[in-house]
Protein backbone atom coordinates (compact mmCIF):
# COMPACT_ATOMS: atom_id res chain seq x y z
CA UNK A 1 -41.82 83.44 200.98
CA UNK A 2 -43.48 80.74 198.89
CA UNK A 3 -47.05 81.12 200.15
CA UNK A 4 -46.95 77.59 201.54
CA UNK A 5 -47.02 78.55 205.23
CA UNK A 6 -48.08 81.42 207.41
CA UNK A 7 -44.49 81.76 208.61
CA UNK A 8 -43.24 83.16 205.32
CA UNK A 9 -46.09 85.67 205.20
CA UNK A 10 -45.43 86.68 208.78
CA UNK A 11 -41.73 87.15 208.14
CA UNK A 12 -42.47 89.96 205.70
CA UNK A 13 -45.62 91.39 207.29
CA UNK A 14 -43.93 92.05 210.65
CA UNK A 15 -41.46 94.51 209.19
CA UNK A 16 -40.01 96.91 211.73
CA UNK A 17 -38.30 100.28 211.57
CA UNK A 18 -35.41 99.83 213.99
CA UNK A 19 -32.63 99.42 211.45
CA UNK A 20 -30.67 101.68 209.16
CA UNK A 21 -31.46 99.73 206.00
CA UNK A 22 -34.67 100.21 204.00
CA UNK A 23 -36.41 98.53 201.11
CA UNK A 24 -39.18 100.26 199.14
CA UNK A 25 -39.58 102.82 201.93
CA UNK A 26 -39.75 100.17 204.68
CA UNK A 27 -36.94 99.70 207.18
CA UNK A 28 -35.57 96.15 207.26
CA UNK A 29 -33.65 94.42 210.05
CA UNK A 30 -30.77 92.02 209.40
CA UNK A 31 -32.98 88.94 209.15
CA UNK A 32 -35.16 90.56 206.54
CA UNK A 33 -32.13 91.84 204.63
CA UNK A 34 -30.81 88.29 204.30
CA UNK A 35 -34.18 87.12 203.09
CA UNK A 36 -34.40 90.03 200.66
CA UNK A 37 -31.00 89.11 199.16
CA UNK A 38 -32.08 85.49 198.69
CA UNK A 39 -35.40 86.55 197.19
CA UNK A 40 -34.03 89.11 194.73
CA UNK A 41 -30.72 87.54 193.64
CA UNK A 42 -30.72 83.79 194.38
CA UNK A 43 -34.34 82.92 193.62
CA UNK A 44 -34.27 83.99 189.93
CA UNK A 45 -31.21 81.78 189.36
CA UNK A 46 -33.09 78.81 190.80
CA UNK A 47 -36.29 79.62 188.91
CA UNK A 48 -34.99 80.31 185.41
CA UNK A 49 -32.22 77.70 185.36
CA UNK A 50 -34.80 75.19 186.60
CA UNK A 51 -37.39 76.09 183.96
CA UNK A 52 -34.81 75.78 181.18
CA UNK A 53 -33.41 72.53 182.58
CA UNK A 54 -36.85 70.97 183.09
CA UNK A 55 -37.87 71.88 179.54
CA UNK A 56 -34.72 70.31 178.09
CA UNK A 57 -35.22 67.22 180.26
CA UNK A 58 -38.80 66.84 179.07
CA UNK A 59 -37.65 67.08 175.45
CA UNK A 60 -35.12 64.32 176.08
CA UNK A 61 -37.67 61.99 177.68
CA UNK A 62 -40.22 62.57 174.94
CA UNK A 63 -38.10 61.00 172.22
CA UNK A 64 -39.83 58.02 170.63
CA UNK A 65 -37.69 55.35 172.30
CA UNK A 66 -38.45 56.60 175.83
CA UNK A 67 -42.19 57.13 175.53
CA UNK A 68 -42.78 53.39 175.92
CA UNK A 69 -41.02 53.29 179.31
CA UNK A 70 -43.28 53.56 182.35
CA UNK A 71 -40.84 55.67 184.33
CA UNK A 72 -40.99 58.32 181.60
CA UNK A 73 -44.57 59.07 182.66
CA UNK A 74 -43.44 59.82 186.22
CA UNK A 75 -40.38 61.76 185.09
CA UNK A 76 -42.44 63.99 182.79
CA UNK A 77 -44.98 64.42 185.59
CA UNK A 78 -42.38 65.42 188.17
CA UNK A 79 -40.74 67.83 185.72
CA UNK A 80 -44.14 69.43 185.08
CA UNK A 81 -44.88 69.72 188.80
CA UNK A 82 -41.41 71.16 189.44
CA UNK A 83 -41.96 73.74 186.72
CA UNK A 84 -45.30 74.63 188.32
CA UNK A 85 -43.54 75.31 191.62
CA UNK A 86 -40.91 77.41 189.86
CA UNK A 87 -43.58 79.48 188.09
CA UNK A 88 -45.15 80.13 191.49
CA UNK A 89 -41.76 81.14 192.88
CA UNK A 90 -41.28 83.57 190.00
CA UNK A 91 -44.10 85.66 191.47
CA UNK A 92 -42.27 85.67 194.79
CA UNK A 93 -39.21 87.01 192.95
CA UNK A 94 -41.34 89.68 191.27
CA UNK A 95 -42.58 90.65 194.71
CA UNK A 96 -39.00 91.27 195.73
CA UNK A 97 -38.69 93.65 192.78
CA UNK A 98 -41.79 95.53 193.90
CA UNK A 99 -44.42 93.82 191.72
CA UNK A 100 -46.73 92.36 194.35
CA UNK A 101 -49.02 90.48 191.97
CA UNK A 102 -49.36 87.53 194.33
CA UNK A 103 -50.98 89.79 196.93
CA UNK A 104 -53.85 90.79 194.69
CA UNK A 105 -57.32 89.33 195.21
CA UNK A 106 -57.79 86.22 193.09
CA UNK A 107 -54.11 85.80 192.31
CA UNK A 108 -53.44 85.38 196.03
CA UNK A 109 -55.82 82.42 196.40
CA UNK A 110 -54.70 80.84 193.13
CA UNK A 111 -51.02 81.10 194.03
CA UNK A 112 -51.47 79.39 197.39
CA UNK A 113 -53.65 76.65 195.85
CA UNK A 114 -51.27 76.16 192.91
CA UNK A 115 -48.20 76.06 195.16
CA UNK A 116 -49.61 73.38 197.45
CA UNK A 117 -50.75 71.21 194.53
CA UNK A 118 -47.48 71.36 192.60
CA UNK A 119 -45.34 70.72 195.68
CA UNK A 120 -47.46 67.73 196.72
CA UNK A 121 -47.33 66.26 193.21
CA UNK A 122 -43.58 66.79 192.86
CA UNK A 123 -42.88 64.92 196.07
CA UNK A 124 -45.23 62.02 195.36
CA UNK A 125 -44.00 61.59 191.79
CA UNK A 126 -40.51 61.14 193.27
CA UNK A 127 -42.04 58.47 195.51
CA UNK A 128 -43.49 56.78 192.41
CA UNK A 129 -40.10 56.87 190.69
CA UNK A 130 -38.50 55.32 193.77
CA UNK A 131 -41.18 52.62 193.90
CA UNK A 132 -40.40 51.63 190.30
CA UNK A 133 -36.71 51.56 191.12
CA UNK A 134 -37.47 49.38 194.14
CA UNK A 135 -39.51 46.93 192.06
CA UNK A 136 -36.86 46.81 189.34
CA UNK A 137 -34.02 46.09 191.77
CA UNK A 138 -35.63 44.10 194.55
CA UNK A 139 -38.51 42.35 192.74
CA UNK A 140 -37.44 42.05 189.08
CA UNK A 141 -39.97 39.30 188.36
CA UNK A 142 -42.79 41.81 188.88
CA UNK A 143 -41.51 44.39 186.42
CA UNK A 144 -43.68 43.39 183.48
CA UNK A 145 -46.88 43.31 185.55
CA UNK A 146 -46.37 46.38 187.77
CA UNK A 147 -44.14 48.77 185.81
CA UNK A 148 -46.45 49.54 182.90
CA UNK A 149 -47.29 52.79 181.17
CA UNK A 150 -51.01 52.28 181.81
CA UNK A 151 -50.46 51.83 185.55
CA UNK A 152 -48.20 54.91 185.62
CA UNK A 153 -50.83 57.05 183.86
CA UNK A 154 -53.58 55.89 186.26
CA UNK A 155 -51.39 56.64 189.28
CA UNK A 156 -50.46 60.07 187.94
CA UNK A 157 -54.08 61.06 187.25
CA UNK A 158 -55.18 59.75 190.65
CA UNK A 159 -52.58 61.83 192.48
CA UNK A 160 -53.60 64.91 190.50
CA UNK A 161 -57.28 64.41 191.31
CA UNK A 162 -56.53 63.99 195.02
CA UNK A 163 -54.39 67.14 195.12
CA UNK A 164 -56.98 69.24 193.29
CA UNK A 165 -59.69 68.25 195.77
CA UNK A 166 -57.69 68.13 199.04
CA UNK A 167 -56.03 71.53 198.68
CA UNK A 168 -59.16 73.33 197.48
CA UNK A 169 -59.70 74.39 201.10
CA UNK A 170 -56.96 76.99 200.70
CA UNK A 171 -59.03 78.83 198.11
CA UNK A 172 -61.56 79.53 200.86
CA UNK A 173 -59.19 80.12 203.80
CA UNK A 174 -56.82 82.49 202.01
CA UNK A 175 -57.61 86.18 201.77
CA UNK A 176 -56.01 89.56 201.11
CA UNK A 177 -55.74 91.89 204.11
CA UNK A 178 -54.45 95.46 204.23
CA UNK A 179 -51.78 96.32 206.82
CA UNK A 180 -50.43 99.72 207.75
CA UNK A 181 -46.62 99.43 207.60
CA UNK A 182 -44.84 102.67 208.29
CA UNK A 183 -46.60 105.32 206.24
CA UNK A 184 -47.97 102.87 203.69
CA UNK A 185 -50.94 100.55 203.38
CA UNK A 186 -49.74 97.18 202.12
CA UNK A 187 -51.85 94.27 200.84
CA UNK A 188 -50.85 90.90 202.28
CA UNK A 189 -51.93 87.47 201.09
CA UNK A 190 -52.58 85.48 204.26
CA UNK A 191 -55.02 83.25 206.07
CA UNK A 192 -58.31 84.71 207.24
CA UNK A 193 -58.35 85.09 211.03
CA UNK A 194 -61.51 82.99 211.38
CA UNK A 195 -59.78 80.06 209.64
CA UNK A 196 -56.65 79.92 211.82
CA UNK A 197 -57.51 76.63 213.55
CA UNK A 198 -58.59 75.06 210.27
CA UNK A 199 -55.30 76.16 208.69
CA UNK A 200 -53.31 74.58 211.52
CA UNK A 201 -55.17 71.30 210.93
CA UNK A 202 -54.52 71.30 207.19
CA UNK A 203 -50.88 72.43 207.52
CA UNK A 204 -50.28 69.53 209.92
CA UNK A 205 -51.98 67.15 207.49
CA UNK A 206 -49.93 68.57 204.62
CA UNK A 207 -46.72 68.13 206.62
CA UNK A 208 -47.65 64.49 207.17
CA UNK A 209 -48.51 63.64 203.56
CA UNK A 210 -45.79 65.72 201.89
CA UNK A 211 -42.90 65.00 204.27
CA UNK A 212 -43.26 62.32 206.92
CA UNK A 213 -44.96 59.60 204.86
CA UNK A 214 -42.99 60.18 201.60
CA UNK A 215 -39.67 60.42 203.44
CA UNK A 216 -40.23 57.18 205.34
CA UNK A 217 -41.21 55.39 202.14
CA UNK A 218 -38.29 56.75 200.12
CA UNK A 219 -35.72 56.02 202.85
CA UNK A 220 -37.00 52.45 203.25
CA UNK A 221 -36.84 51.79 199.52
CA UNK A 222 -33.42 53.44 199.08
CA UNK A 223 -31.99 51.28 201.85
CA UNK A 224 -33.53 48.17 200.30
CA UNK A 225 -32.19 49.11 196.85
CA UNK A 226 -28.70 49.76 198.26
CA UNK A 227 -28.61 46.41 200.07
CA UNK A 228 -29.82 44.61 196.96
CA UNK A 229 -27.18 46.22 194.75
CA UNK A 230 -24.42 45.45 197.26
CA UNK A 231 -25.56 41.83 197.42
CA UNK A 232 -25.60 41.62 193.61
CA UNK A 233 -22.09 43.04 193.34
CA UNK A 234 -20.79 40.62 195.96
CA UNK A 235 -22.37 37.65 194.18
CA UNK A 236 -20.95 38.80 190.88
CA UNK A 237 -17.47 39.07 192.37
CA UNK A 238 -17.68 35.58 193.80
CA UNK A 239 -18.54 34.23 190.37
CA UNK A 240 -15.61 36.08 188.83
CA UNK A 241 -12.84 35.21 191.30
CA UNK A 242 -10.79 33.70 188.49
CA UNK A 243 -11.10 36.90 186.46
CA UNK A 244 -10.03 39.53 189.01
CA UNK A 245 -8.97 42.09 186.48
CA UNK A 246 -12.49 42.27 185.07
CA UNK A 247 -14.27 42.52 188.42
CA UNK A 248 -14.73 46.26 188.36
CA UNK A 249 -16.03 46.33 184.79
CA UNK A 250 -18.31 43.41 185.49
CA UNK A 251 -19.76 45.10 188.59
CA UNK A 252 -20.44 48.23 186.60
CA UNK A 253 -22.13 46.24 183.85
CA UNK A 254 -24.68 44.63 186.17
CA UNK A 255 -28.05 45.68 184.69
CA UNK A 256 -29.45 46.64 188.09
CA UNK A 257 -26.56 49.00 188.83
CA UNK A 258 -26.47 50.56 185.36
CA UNK A 259 -30.23 51.03 184.89
CA UNK A 260 -31.16 52.32 188.34
CA UNK A 261 -28.29 54.72 189.00
CA UNK A 262 -29.79 57.88 187.56
CA UNK A 263 -33.18 57.68 189.27
CA UNK A 264 -31.63 56.36 192.48
CA UNK A 265 -29.51 59.49 192.67
CA UNK A 266 -32.60 61.60 191.94
CA UNK A 267 -34.42 60.09 194.93
CA UNK A 268 -31.36 60.40 197.17
CA UNK A 269 -30.87 64.05 196.22
CA UNK A 270 -34.49 64.76 197.05
CA UNK A 271 -34.00 63.34 200.55
CA UNK A 272 -30.78 65.29 201.17
CA UNK A 273 -32.19 68.64 200.03
CA UNK A 274 -35.59 68.19 201.68
CA UNK A 275 -34.80 66.90 205.15
CA UNK A 276 -33.44 70.13 206.75
CA UNK A 277 -36.36 72.33 205.69
CA UNK A 278 -39.02 69.75 206.45
CA UNK A 279 -37.63 68.85 209.86
CA UNK A 280 -37.87 72.51 210.87
CA UNK A 281 -41.32 72.72 209.30
CA UNK A 282 -42.40 69.67 211.31
CA UNK A 283 -41.12 71.32 214.48
CA UNK A 284 -43.09 74.47 213.67
CA UNK A 285 -46.23 72.48 212.87
CA UNK A 286 -46.15 70.22 215.93
CA UNK A 287 -43.91 72.16 218.34
CA UNK A 288 -44.69 74.70 221.09
CA UNK A 289 -45.83 77.37 218.61
CA UNK A 290 -48.13 75.07 216.63
CA UNK A 291 -51.32 76.66 217.97
CA UNK A 292 -50.53 80.15 216.69
CA UNK A 293 -48.01 79.31 213.92
CA UNK A 294 -45.98 82.33 215.12
CA UNK A 295 -42.21 81.86 215.37
CA UNK A 296 -39.20 83.89 216.44
CA UNK A 297 -37.23 85.98 214.00
CA UNK A 298 -34.26 83.59 214.16
CA UNK A 299 -36.40 80.54 213.41
CA UNK A 300 -38.06 82.43 210.55
CA UNK A 301 -34.64 83.24 209.05
CA UNK A 302 -33.35 79.66 209.35
CA UNK A 303 -36.60 78.43 207.84
CA UNK A 304 -36.28 80.85 204.92
CA UNK A 305 -32.66 79.85 204.19
CA UNK A 306 -33.51 76.14 204.34
CA UNK A 307 -36.48 76.79 202.05
CA UNK A 308 -34.15 78.15 199.38
CA UNK A 309 -32.01 75.02 199.72
CA UNK A 310 -35.21 73.01 199.30
CA UNK A 311 -36.17 75.04 196.21
CA UNK A 312 -33.13 73.65 194.38
CA UNK A 313 -34.99 70.30 194.35
CA UNK A 314 -37.20 71.73 191.64
CA UNK A 315 -34.38 72.94 189.38
CA UNK A 316 -31.54 70.45 189.72
CA UNK A 317 -32.94 67.37 187.97
CA UNK A 318 -31.53 68.27 184.55
CA UNK A 319 -28.00 68.29 186.00
CA UNK A 320 -28.61 64.96 187.73
CA UNK A 321 -29.88 63.37 184.50
CA UNK A 322 -27.06 64.84 182.41
CA UNK A 323 -24.27 63.74 184.76
CA UNK A 324 -25.64 60.30 185.58
CA UNK A 325 -27.01 58.95 182.29
CA UNK A 326 -25.25 58.60 178.98
CA UNK A 327 -28.51 57.57 177.34
CA UNK A 328 -30.15 60.78 178.60
CA UNK A 329 -27.39 62.85 177.00
CA UNK A 330 -27.82 60.95 173.74
CA UNK A 331 -31.60 61.30 173.75
CA UNK A 332 -31.26 65.01 174.52
CA UNK A 333 -28.90 65.40 171.60
CA UNK A 334 -31.41 63.56 169.41
CA UNK A 335 -34.25 65.79 170.59
CA UNK A 336 -32.17 68.89 169.84
CA UNK A 337 -31.35 67.63 166.34
CA UNK A 338 -27.73 66.60 166.89
CA UNK A 339 -27.79 63.65 164.50
CA UNK A 340 -24.22 62.53 165.09
CA UNK A 341 -25.42 61.14 168.42
CA UNK A 342 -27.45 57.98 168.44
CA UNK A 343 -29.72 56.67 171.18
CA UNK A 344 -28.98 53.21 172.57
CA UNK A 345 -31.89 52.21 174.82
CA UNK A 346 -31.61 49.71 177.62
CA UNK A 347 -33.02 46.34 176.71
CA UNK A 348 -36.61 45.82 177.80
CA UNK A 349 -35.67 42.37 179.03
CA UNK A 350 -33.46 43.94 181.64
CA UNK A 351 -35.82 46.65 182.87
CA UNK A 352 -38.61 49.01 182.04
CA UNK A 353 -36.48 51.89 183.21
CA UNK A 354 -34.07 54.32 181.57
């Protein structure tokens, strides 16, 4: 449960007592047991490894040589948004341990609001990164005019302002209700009954602006980037037909291929990890149960499992950077004080990207 949809809240509020397994005095069925395992044991791995990795990544990108690169603004922004999501998920983990802080009045509303904002920003900062990659690869003559630090800062602030205003509705529509579960009274952070139709409207809008539109844009640009790189490699090979033994090295040394690889893989990973969860979420939002937002136990379980796959989006970027970029590893070593490494930045004449 990440407080982003009513489904997650419903999956834990509809606890039954027809099973032989219990948690905190409440009987859990098999679906809820699987969710409980993911929440208590898998989620902290995602959260704390992600927070450490994002912090190290930010340190690497804040070295002096990288601050002048426009993509650094978006990378730092996406790492911050990812960390915000992970902090929100840490409260979900604490809930699994019995500390239900996110179901207290005030914290409930803030958690929902914070979660929506950080998730929206994380996704759209990935879009911004992909746009810069697209310009660098497919329209290199526009790099100096479009890929600037000033433009990146303006875009980042604009997205933040939009998110803060658009998702403020969830502060009003979210409330804490008390449910009698078994012999206990349990507080649940959920949508007020009088705001159900309004919630459906905003959840559908959120699905559109945080999944459908970004995914279409990213897929289009990734395809265009791939075709451009393939064309560049083919042209390079044609020019080097008399030097066959150096073809592979030459292809690898093409500035477009070398510069864009790391952030291209970041965008591609986002698509792979996001599609399953968001396709199911789109079905829930626009499918037969869209009016009530109530789903079957099986759908709720599949949704929960896919959500945990999606959560890895917010914690995996450090590994992607470390495996895909030698310059990132060098700048990280510099940031950590390992002086025997030296940073060798990509020439600004080739790109404004790492």
